[in-house]
Amino acid sequence: MIALNMANVMEEVIGEKGLTEKEIEDLRQKIKDALSQIKNRKWSELAFLDLPEQDTEKIKEIALDIKNQAENFLLLGIGGSALGPRAILDALSPFHNLRHKPRVFIYDNVDPGTLSSILSLIDLKKTFVNVITKSGSTAETAASFMILWEEMEKILGKESTKRFIATTDPEKGNLREIVKKYGLESLDIPPGVVGRYSVLSPVGLLTAEVIGVDCKELLKGAKDVRDRCVEEELWKNPALLMAAVLYLQGTKNRRTIDVIIPYADGLKSFSQWFCQLWAESLGKLGLGLTPYPSIGTTDQHSQLQLWMEGPEDKVVIFLRIEDYGTDIKIPIVFEDMEGLNYLSGHTLSELIKAEEEATELSLARASRPNLSLDIPCIDAYHLGQLFMFFEIVTALVGFLFGINPFNQPGVEEGKNFTYGMMGKKGFDKKRQEVEEAREKKLCWTVK
């Protein structure tokens, strides 16, 4: 089970810039109210909490079919529809395409160079395409889907429809209409599950199964941590404590930037997944906490200086790994060089753990608050725990701020302008606004 250590945010350890037990205790009623919203399922979007109990039989059947027939698996999606699957892929099957088939490609943008490169690498005759969009109208995903639809049809004709799996809303949306019209295989995203909370739905689980990961292990980890995080006693519930600490640091001490730094290359994509979850859920009404992705030890050499002596606006969240599942011993060479011989006989896991602990201590000594999550190992069970844990913490922090952690009104305006520029019916006014804005920009352009 993952474990929270919050010593380095407390006044007893880092001095007056830390929090006191009383400050956390004074928040007890507000925290209790936040937890009650989760326990009583006040919001329909809390449906992500029920994902551990879902039936995975169809997901497993489709994945087995893909593994038996395909050399390539191409996922089309953006935001949570791509960040979650990528986090699973990178954590549980690093360098997958160099070692296993089907190879997995995730196209999550509309950069034409990227898609051209993917299409130059794969044989579409031996490819399955998973298109993921709950609404069915996400412009980026729709565009890439339309391109693949035509390309597959050129090569496979009517048989091409058998190579698409649509992951979308069970009843409505453009993609659901296409499923019905053309008889595509499909998987349902439960209606109450918001995109950035959907990694433990078919959105992420199909990719898991395709790369050989038992999705039931992801869900078992998620269930175990979920059950632990509904504990009502504040000091026994890690999700409540983490939410309280980050909320208090953000509101009381104006530390509104949360750095997440996993000490494992495989969790780099997880940190990017976290950033969407944190930013899109909490940045509203002039409130929120800014996520900051990082990776240890690499960013000790690129960002630590800023954390140590820069603006005092950050809390650093360490993800510590106990067992890396493998290790490499540093050989006894260059024995006559004092600058190197101290490393001889140690292992890489010893070194990376020492680096992490040293960074924690350095920040604490500088009165820079930080906390850590201890992860026994990187496997499906504990990755499932991480996903569910951070989703619960995000919801709790949103409730503490008094905001809706499930909507994203700020994103919609940009979408509407895009629709206008691309000529979507009903968005002519938005197109006109864009053209007017372009005129204003001209006089400020320096060439």
Protein backbone atom coordinates (compact mmCIF):
# COMPACT_ATOMS: atom_id res chain seq x y z
CA MET A 1 0.00 0.00 0.00
CA ILE A 2 1.27 3.49 -0.82
CA ALA A 3 2.05 5.60 2.25
CA LEU A 4 2.11 9.36 2.86
CA ASN A 5 4.90 11.05 4.81
CA MET A 6 4.15 14.68 5.62
CA ALA A 7 6.88 15.47 8.17
CA ASN A 8 8.53 18.04 5.93
CA VAL A 9 5.49 20.28 5.75
CA MET A 10 5.13 20.55 9.53
CA GLU A 11 6.41 23.40 11.72
CA GLU A 12 8.17 20.96 14.05
CA VAL A 13 10.48 19.94 11.20
CA ILE A 14 10.87 22.97 8.90
CA GLY A 15 10.13 25.81 11.30
CA GLU A 16 7.64 28.64 11.09
CA LYS A 17 7.00 28.17 7.38
CA GLY A 18 5.47 24.80 8.13
CA LEU A 19 2.00 23.92 9.32
CA THR A 20 0.95 23.18 12.89
CA GLU A 21 -1.27 20.33 14.01
CA LYS A 22 -3.71 22.95 15.25
CA GLU A 23 -4.04 24.48 11.79
CA ILE A 24 -4.93 21.10 10.38
CA GLU A 25 -7.27 20.37 13.28
CA ASP A 26 -9.01 23.72 12.76
CA LEU A 27 -9.87 22.51 9.26
CA ARG A 28 -11.42 19.29 10.56
CA GLN A 29 -15.07 20.26 10.02
CA LYS A 30 -14.40 21.55 6.53
CA ILE A 31 -12.53 18.35 5.71
CA LYS A 32 -15.37 16.27 7.15
CA ASP A 33 -17.82 18.11 4.89
CA ALA A 34 -15.59 17.48 1.86
CA LEU A 35 -15.36 13.78 2.66
CA SER A 36 -19.12 13.55 3.13
CA GLN A 37 -19.58 14.73 -0.46
CA ILE A 38 -17.55 11.72 -1.57
CA LYS A 39 -19.18 9.21 0.76
CA ASN A 40 -22.68 10.44 -0.08
CA ARG A 41 -21.88 10.68 -3.81
CA LYS A 42 -23.19 14.23 -3.96
CA TRP A 43 -21.86 14.62 -7.50
CA SER A 44 -22.71 12.27 -10.36
CA GLU A 45 -19.14 12.74 -11.59
CA LEU A 46 -17.91 10.78 -8.56
CA ALA A 47 -18.75 7.72 -10.66
CA PHE A 48 -15.00 7.17 -11.05
CA LEU A 49 -15.11 5.73 -7.52
CA ASP A 50 -17.20 2.83 -8.81
CA LEU A 51 -14.80 1.82 -11.58
CA PRO A 52 -13.04 -0.87 -9.50
CA GLU A 53 -16.27 -2.90 -9.61
CA GLN A 54 -16.76 -2.75 -13.39
CA ASP A 55 -17.05 -5.86 -15.57
CA THR A 56 -13.83 -6.22 -17.59
CA GLU A 57 -14.79 -9.29 -19.64
CA LYS A 58 -15.46 -7.40 -22.87
CA ILE A 59 -12.26 -5.36 -22.52
CA LYS A 60 -10.26 -8.57 -22.16
CA GLU A 61 -11.99 -10.18 -25.16
CA ILE A 62 -11.28 -7.23 -27.45
CA ALA A 63 -7.67 -7.00 -26.26
CA LEU A 64 -7.11 -10.70 -26.91
CA ASP A 65 -8.50 -10.29 -30.42
CA ILE A 66 -6.11 -7.41 -31.05
CA LYS A 67 -3.11 -9.31 -29.71
CA ASN A 68 -3.93 -12.33 -31.85
CA GLN A 69 -4.38 -10.37 -35.08
CA ALA A 70 -2.41 -7.14 -34.99
CA GLU A 71 1.16 -5.96 -35.17
CA ASN A 72 0.17 -2.39 -34.30
CA PHE A 73 -2.31 -0.76 -31.94
CA LEU A 74 -2.97 2.93 -32.67
CA LEU A 75 -4.78 5.00 -30.06
CA LEU A 76 -6.41 8.29 -31.06
CA GLY A 77 -7.33 10.63 -28.22
CA ILE A 78 -6.34 13.78 -26.37
CA GLY A 79 -6.23 14.91 -22.75
CA GLY A 80 -7.31 12.19 -20.35
CA SER A 81 -8.05 9.90 -23.29
CA ALA A 82 -4.33 9.75 -24.07
CA LEU A 83 -2.48 10.77 -20.92
CA GLY A 84 -3.92 7.91 -18.89
CA PRO A 85 -3.12 5.15 -21.40
CA ARG A 86 0.36 6.62 -21.92
CA ALA A 87 0.99 6.63 -18.16
CA ILE A 88 0.07 2.93 -18.03
CA LEU A 89 2.21 2.09 -21.05
CA ASP A 90 5.33 3.90 -19.84
CA ALA A 91 5.07 2.69 -16.24
CA LEU A 92 4.27 -0.97 -16.88
CA SER A 93 5.91 -1.72 -20.24
CA PRO A 94 8.80 0.70 -20.84
CA PHE A 95 10.35 0.60 -24.33
CA HIS A 96 7.37 -1.55 -25.26
CA ASN A 97 7.67 -1.16 -29.02
CA LEU A 98 11.27 -2.37 -29.03
CA ARG A 99 10.39 -5.60 -27.25
CA HIS A 100 6.76 -6.54 -27.82
CA LYS A 101 3.89 -6.71 -30.26
CA PRO A 102 1.48 -5.30 -30.93
CA ARG A 103 3.44 -2.07 -30.96
CA VAL A 104 1.51 0.79 -29.39
CA PHE A 105 1.29 4.29 -30.87
CA ILE A 106 -0.59 7.10 -29.15
CA TYR A 107 -1.51 10.05 -31.32
CA ASP A 108 -2.76 12.79 -29.02
CA ASN A 109 -2.23 15.97 -31.03
CA VAL A 110 -2.89 17.22 -34.53
CA ASP A 111 0.72 17.81 -35.51
CA PRO A 112 0.74 16.52 -39.11
CA GLY A 113 4.40 15.58 -38.85
CA THR A 114 3.69 13.15 -36.01
CA LEU A 115 0.84 11.39 -37.76
CA SER A 116 2.83 11.20 -40.99
CA SER A 117 5.68 9.56 -39.09
CA ILE A 118 3.37 7.03 -37.46
CA LEU A 119 1.75 6.12 -40.77
CA SER A 120 5.18 5.65 -42.31
CA LEU A 121 6.08 3.15 -39.59
CA ILE A 122 3.00 0.96 -39.46
CA ASP A 123 1.29 -1.39 -41.88
CA LEU A 124 -2.39 -0.48 -41.70
CA LYS A 125 -3.30 -3.98 -42.87
CA LYS A 126 -1.99 -5.21 -39.53
CA THR A 127 -3.30 -2.39 -37.36
CA PHE A 128 -6.20 -1.87 -34.95
CA VAL A 129 -7.32 1.67 -34.14
CA ASN A 130 -8.84 2.67 -30.80
CA VAL A 131 -10.54 6.07 -31.07
CA ILE A 132 -11.40 7.58 -27.69
CA THR A 133 -13.68 10.56 -27.20
CA LYS A 134 -16.57 10.57 -24.78
CA SER A 135 -18.40 13.44 -26.44
CA GLY A 136 -17.62 12.17 -29.92
CA SER A 137 -16.96 15.73 -31.06
CA THR A 138 -13.44 16.47 -29.82
CA ALA A 139 -11.97 18.25 -32.86
CA GLU A 140 -8.45 16.82 -32.64
CA THR A 141 -9.59 13.24 -32.17
CA ALA A 142 -12.32 13.55 -34.78
CA ALA A 143 -9.84 14.85 -37.35
CA SER A 144 -7.35 12.02 -36.82
CA PHE A 145 -10.18 9.47 -36.81
CA MET A 146 -11.47 10.78 -40.15
CA ILE A 147 -7.99 10.50 -41.66
CA LEU A 148 -7.52 6.92 -40.40
CA TRP A 149 -11.03 6.00 -41.53
CA GLU A 150 -10.22 6.96 -45.11
CA GLU A 151 -6.75 5.40 -45.08
CA MET A 152 -7.98 2.10 -43.66
CA GLU A 153 -10.87 2.00 -46.13
CA LYS A 154 -8.45 2.47 -49.04
CA ILE A 155 -6.49 -0.58 -47.96
CA LEU A 156 -9.10 -2.90 -46.45
CA GLY A 157 -12.35 -1.77 -48.04
CA LYS A 158 -15.47 -2.78 -46.13
CA GLU A 159 -13.38 -4.92 -43.82
CA SER A 160 -11.81 -1.76 -42.39
CA THR A 161 -14.70 -1.24 -39.96
CA LYS A 162 -13.61 -4.38 -38.11
CA ARG A 163 -10.33 -2.70 -37.21
CA PHE A 164 -11.81 0.17 -35.21
CA ILE A 165 -12.73 0.15 -31.54
CA ALA A 166 -14.67 3.18 -30.36
CA THR A 167 -14.46 4.13 -26.69
CA THR A 168 -17.19 6.67 -26.06
CA ASP A 169 -20.46 7.53 -24.34
CA PRO A 170 -22.81 4.53 -24.23
CA GLU A 171 -25.78 6.36 -25.73
CA LYS A 172 -25.03 9.71 -27.35
CA GLY A 173 -22.53 11.67 -29.41
CA ASN A 174 -21.16 11.56 -32.96
CA LEU A 175 -18.94 8.56 -32.32
CA ARG A 176 -21.81 6.56 -30.89
CA GLU A 177 -23.82 7.35 -34.04
CA ILE A 178 -20.95 6.05 -36.18
CA VAL A 179 -20.80 2.89 -34.06
CA LYS A 180 -24.48 2.25 -34.71
CA LYS A 181 -24.32 3.08 -38.41
CA TYR A 182 -21.23 1.06 -39.28
CA GLY A 183 -21.36 -1.67 -36.65
CA LEU A 184 -18.06 -0.79 -34.99
CA GLU A 185 -16.87 -2.59 -31.89
CA SER A 186 -17.21 -0.28 -28.92
CA LEU A 187 -16.52 0.16 -25.23
CA ASP A 188 -18.51 2.43 -22.93
CA ILE A 189 -17.22 5.29 -20.84
CA PRO A 190 -19.70 5.48 -17.93
CA PRO A 191 -21.82 8.67 -18.21
CA GLY A 192 -20.65 10.12 -14.90
CA VAL A 193 -16.94 9.61 -15.52
CA VAL A 194 -15.19 12.80 -16.66
CA GLY A 195 -12.34 12.43 -19.15
CA ARG A 196 -9.47 13.26 -16.81
CA TYR A 197 -10.86 10.80 -14.23
CA SER A 198 -11.34 8.03 -16.81
CA VAL A 199 -8.00 6.20 -16.81
CA LEU A 200 -9.45 3.25 -14.86
CA SER A 201 -12.34 2.91 -17.30
CA PRO A 202 -12.01 1.23 -20.73
CA VAL A 203 -10.08 4.39 -21.72
CA GLY A 204 -6.98 3.04 -19.99
CA LEU A 205 -7.83 -0.59 -19.39
CA LEU A 206 -7.90 -1.64 -23.05
CA THR A 207 -4.34 -0.39 -23.55
CA ALA A 208 -3.33 -2.17 -20.35
CA GLU A 209 -4.66 -5.49 -21.60
CA VAL A 210 -3.16 -5.03 -25.08
CA ILE A 211 0.33 -4.62 -23.55
CA GLY A 212 -0.17 -7.68 -21.34
CA VAL A 213 -1.17 -6.03 -18.06
CA ASP A 214 -4.03 -7.58 -16.11
CA CYS A 215 -6.47 -4.70 -15.72
CA LYS A 216 -7.99 -6.42 -12.69
CA GLU A 217 -4.76 -5.70 -10.81
CA LEU A 218 -5.08 -1.98 -11.60
CA LEU A 219 -8.65 -2.07 -10.33
CA LYS A 220 -7.76 -4.06 -7.22
CA GLY A 221 -5.17 -1.45 -6.25
CA ALA A 222 -7.68 1.31 -6.92
CA LYS A 223 -10.32 -0.39 -4.78
CA ASP A 224 -7.98 -0.93 -1.84
CA VAL A 225 -6.83 2.68 -1.75
CA ARG A 226 -10.38 3.97 -2.28
CA ASP A 227 -11.63 1.96 0.69
CA ARG A 228 -8.81 3.33 2.80
CA CYS A 229 -9.48 6.92 1.75
CA VAL A 230 -13.06 7.00 3.01
CA GLU A 231 -11.78 6.58 6.59
CA GLU A 232 -13.39 9.37 8.62
CA GLU A 233 -10.58 9.81 11.14
CA LEU A 234 -8.45 12.61 9.71
CA TRP A 235 -5.09 11.40 11.00
CA LYS A 236 -5.61 7.91 9.58
CA ASN A 237 -6.67 8.97 6.08
CA PRO A 238 -3.74 9.87 3.76
CA ALA A 239 -6.00 11.45 1.11
CA LEU A 240 -7.63 13.77 3.66
CA LEU A 241 -4.27 14.77 5.08
CA MET A 242 -2.68 15.43 1.70
CA ALA A 243 -5.69 17.47 0.57
CA ALA A 244 -5.64 19.45 3.81
CA VAL A 245 -1.90 20.12 3.64
CA LEU A 246 -1.90 21.31 0.02
CA TYR A 247 -5.03 23.40 0.55
CA LEU A 248 -3.56 25.08 3.65
CA GLN A 249 -0.18 25.68 2.03
CA GLY A 250 -1.97 27.22 -0.94
CA THR A 251 -4.32 29.46 1.03
CA LYS A 252 -2.33 30.27 4.18
CA ASN A 253 1.20 30.42 2.83
CA ARG A 254 0.43 31.25 -0.82
CA ARG A 255 2.31 28.16 -1.98
CA THR A 256 0.11 27.61 -4.99
CA ILE A 257 2.53 25.59 -7.15
CA ASP A 258 2.66 21.84 -6.53
CA VAL A 259 5.73 20.12 -7.97
CA ILE A 260 5.36 16.38 -8.51
CA ILE A 261 8.68 14.56 -8.83
CA PRO A 262 8.66 10.79 -9.21
CA TYR A 263 12.03 9.07 -8.81
CA ALA A 264 11.40 6.63 -11.64
CA ASP A 265 11.54 7.25 -15.38
CA GLY A 266 8.47 5.06 -15.81
CA LEU A 267 6.35 7.55 -13.88
CA LYS A 268 7.26 10.59 -15.97
CA SER A 269 4.08 10.22 -18.01
CA PHE A 270 2.16 9.73 -14.76
CA SER A 271 3.31 13.19 -13.65
CA GLN A 272 1.90 14.63 -16.91
CA TRP A 273 -1.38 12.81 -16.26
CA PHE A 274 -1.44 14.35 -12.78
CA CYS A 275 -0.90 17.83 -14.20
CA GLN A 276 -4.02 17.70 -16.35
CA LEU A 277 -6.05 16.29 -13.46
CA TRP A 278 -4.84 18.98 -11.04
CA ALA A 279 -4.95 21.97 -13.40
CA GLU A 280 -8.26 21.34 -15.14
CA SER A 281 -10.02 20.33 -11.94
CA LEU A 282 -8.84 23.11 -9.62
CA GLY A 283 -8.17 26.18 -11.75
CA LYS A 284 -11.46 28.06 -11.47
CA LEU A 285 -13.00 31.27 -10.16
CA GLY A 286 -9.56 32.82 -9.61
CA LEU A 287 -8.65 29.90 -7.37
CA GLY A 288 -6.58 26.78 -7.78
CA LEU A 289 -3.18 25.16 -7.47
CA THR A 290 -0.71 24.98 -10.34
CA PRO A 291 0.85 21.57 -11.11
CA TYR A 292 4.49 21.35 -12.12
CA PRO A 293 5.78 18.10 -13.65
CA SER A 294 9.29 16.98 -12.86
CA ILE A 295 11.42 13.82 -12.73
CA GLY A 296 14.13 12.72 -10.31
CA THR A 297 17.07 12.72 -10.37
CA THR A 298 17.22 14.55 -13.70
CA ASP A 299 15.55 17.73 -12.51
CA GLN A 300 17.78 18.10 -9.47
CA HIS A 301 20.23 19.34 -12.09
CA SER A 302 17.79 21.65 -13.84
CA GLN A 303 15.13 22.86 -11.38
CA LEU A 304 16.23 22.25 -7.79
CA GLN A 305 18.06 25.58 -7.61
CA LEU A 306 14.74 27.35 -8.20
CA TRP A 307 12.96 25.29 -5.56
CA MET A 308 15.70 25.93 -3.01
CA GLU A 309 16.28 29.66 -3.46
CA GLY A 310 13.58 30.94 -5.80
CA PRO A 311 10.11 32.28 -4.97
CA GLU A 312 8.56 30.62 -1.93
CA ASP A 313 5.46 29.51 -3.78
CA LYS A 314 5.94 25.76 -4.11
CA VAL A 315 5.27 22.49 -2.34
CA VAL A 316 7.27 19.54 -3.66
CA ILE A 317 5.61 16.11 -3.80
CA PHE A 318 8.10 13.24 -4.00
CA LEU A 319 7.13 9.81 -5.32
CA ARG A 320 9.60 7.38 -3.75
CA ILE A 321 10.09 3.83 -5.02
CA GLU A 322 11.10 1.13 -2.57
CA ASP A 323 11.77 -1.75 -4.99
CA TYR A 324 12.72 -1.01 -8.60
CA GLY A 325 12.33 -4.66 -9.55
CA THR A 326 15.90 -4.80 -10.80
CA ASP A 327 19.27 -3.35 -9.90
CA ILE A 328 22.77 -2.79 -11.28
CA LYS A 329 25.91 -2.77 -9.18
CA ILE A 330 28.47 -0.02 -9.74
CA PRO A 331 31.78 -1.79 -10.44
CA ILE A 332 35.00 -1.31 -8.52
CA VAL A 333 36.98 0.67 -11.07
CA PHE A 334 39.07 3.87 -10.91
CA GLU A 335 39.98 2.95 -7.34
CA ASP A 336 42.69 5.61 -7.17
CA MET A 337 40.28 8.48 -7.91
CA GLU A 338 38.67 9.87 -4.75
CA GLY A 339 36.08 11.69 -6.81
CA LEU A 340 34.71 8.39 -8.11
CA ASN A 341 35.76 5.49 -5.91
CA TYR A 342 33.13 6.22 -3.24
CA LEU A 343 30.50 4.94 -5.70
CA SER A 344 32.15 1.55 -6.19
CA GLY A 345 30.28 -1.39 -4.70
CA HIS A 346 27.01 0.49 -4.39
CA THR A 347 24.01 0.01 -6.69
CA LEU A 348 22.00 2.35 -8.88
CA SER A 349 18.94 1.89 -6.66
CA GLU A 350 21.01 2.93 -3.63
CA LEU A 351 22.15 6.02 -5.48
CA ILE A 352 18.71 7.12 -6.70
CA LYS A 353 17.22 6.60 -3.22
CA ALA A 354 20.06 8.59 -1.66
CA GLU A 355 19.49 11.38 -4.19
CA GLU A 356 15.79 11.52 -3.36
CA GLU A 357 16.33 11.55 0.40
CA ALA A 358 19.07 14.15 0.11
CA THR A 359 16.79 16.41 -1.93
CA GLU A 360 14.00 16.07 0.62
CA LEU A 361 16.37 16.96 3.44
CA SER A 362 17.93 19.88 1.57
CA LEU A 363 14.53 21.41 0.94
CA ALA A 364 13.44 20.85 4.54
CA ARG A 365 16.64 22.46 5.89
CA ALA A 366 15.88 25.47 3.68
CA SER A 367 12.35 25.58 5.15
CA ARG A 368 10.85 24.62 1.80
CA PRO A 369 7.85 22.33 2.44
CA ASN A 370 7.71 18.95 0.79
CA LEU A 371 5.97 15.64 1.31
CA SER A 372 6.43 12.16 -0.07
CA LEU A 373 4.40 9.19 -1.20
CA ASP A 374 6.19 5.89 -0.64
CA ILE A 375 5.44 3.32 -3.35
CA PRO A 376 6.46 -0.30 -2.69
CA CYS A 377 7.07 -1.00 -6.40
CA ILE A 378 5.87 -0.02 -9.84
CA ASP A 379 3.34 -2.64 -10.84
CA ALA A 380 -0.30 -2.65 -11.92
CA TYR A 381 -1.60 -2.92 -8.35
CA HIS A 382 0.29 0.10 -7.03
CA LEU A 383 -0.22 2.17 -10.20
CA GLY A 384 -3.96 1.62 -9.74
CA GLN A 385 -3.56 2.94 -6.22
CA LEU A 386 -1.76 6.05 -7.45
CA PHE A 387 -4.45 6.86 -10.01
CA MET A 388 -7.31 6.51 -7.54
CA PHE A 389 -5.45 8.25 -4.72
CA PHE A 390 -4.73 11.39 -6.73
CA GLU A 391 -8.25 11.47 -8.16
CA ILE A 392 -9.71 11.41 -4.64
CA VAL A 393 -7.24 14.04 -3.39
CA THR A 394 -8.12 16.27 -6.35
CA ALA A 395 -11.84 16.03 -5.65
CA LEU A 396 -11.27 16.76 -1.94
CA VAL A 397 -9.15 19.84 -2.64
CA GLY A 398 -11.82 21.10 -5.02
CA PHE A 399 -14.46 20.71 -2.32
CA LEU A 400 -12.23 22.52 0.18
CA PHE A 401 -11.94 25.44 -2.26
CA GLY A 402 -15.69 25.35 -2.77
CA ILE A 403 -15.43 24.74 -6.51
CA ASN A 404 -16.67 22.07 -8.90
CA PRO A 405 -13.64 19.82 -9.57
CA PHE A 406 -15.32 18.10 -12.50
CA ASN A 407 -16.17 20.79 -15.04
CA GLN A 408 -13.86 22.81 -17.30
CA PRO A 409 -15.67 25.97 -18.44
CA GLY A 410 -12.41 27.72 -19.33
CA VAL A 411 -11.63 25.13 -21.96
CA GLU A 412 -14.90 25.57 -23.82
CA GLU A 413 -14.19 29.09 -25.12
CA GLY A 414 -11.07 27.93 -26.94
CA LYS A 415 -13.01 25.03 -28.44
CA ASN A 416 -15.72 27.40 -29.67
CA PHE A 417 -13.21 29.68 -31.37
CA THR A 418 -11.68 26.62 -33.05
CA TYR A 419 -15.10 25.52 -34.27
CA GLY A 420 -15.64 29.00 -35.73
CA MET A 421 -12.29 29.05 -37.55
CA MET A 422 -12.88 25.58 -38.97
CA GLY A 423 -16.37 26.50 -40.21
CA LYS A 424 -18.56 24.47 -37.88
CA LYS A 425 -22.22 25.31 -38.27
CA GLY A 426 -23.56 27.66 -35.60
CA PHE A 427 -20.20 29.23 -34.75
CA ASP A 428 -20.09 32.06 -37.32
CA LYS A 429 -20.01 34.68 -34.58
CA LYS A 430 -16.91 33.10 -33.07
CA ARG A 431 -15.21 33.16 -36.46
CA GLN A 432 -15.99 36.87 -36.75
CA GLU A 433 -14.52 37.49 -33.29
CA VAL A 434 -11.32 35.71 -34.33
CA GLU A 435 -11.01 37.83 -37.49
CA GLU A 436 -11.47 41.02 -35.47
CA ALA A 437 -8.82 39.90 -32.99
CA ARG A 438 -6.40 39.19 -35.84
CA GLU A 439 -6.79 42.77 -37.06
CA LYS A 440 -5.89 44.13 -33.63
CA LYS A 441 -2.83 41.90 -33.48
CA LEU A 442 -1.41 43.16 -36.79
CA CYS A 443 -0.25 46.51 -35.45
CA TRP A 444 1.70 44.77 -32.69
CA THR A 445 3.55 42.36 -34.96
CA VAL A 446 7.30 42.94 -35.31
CA LYS A 447 9.03 41.39 -38.33
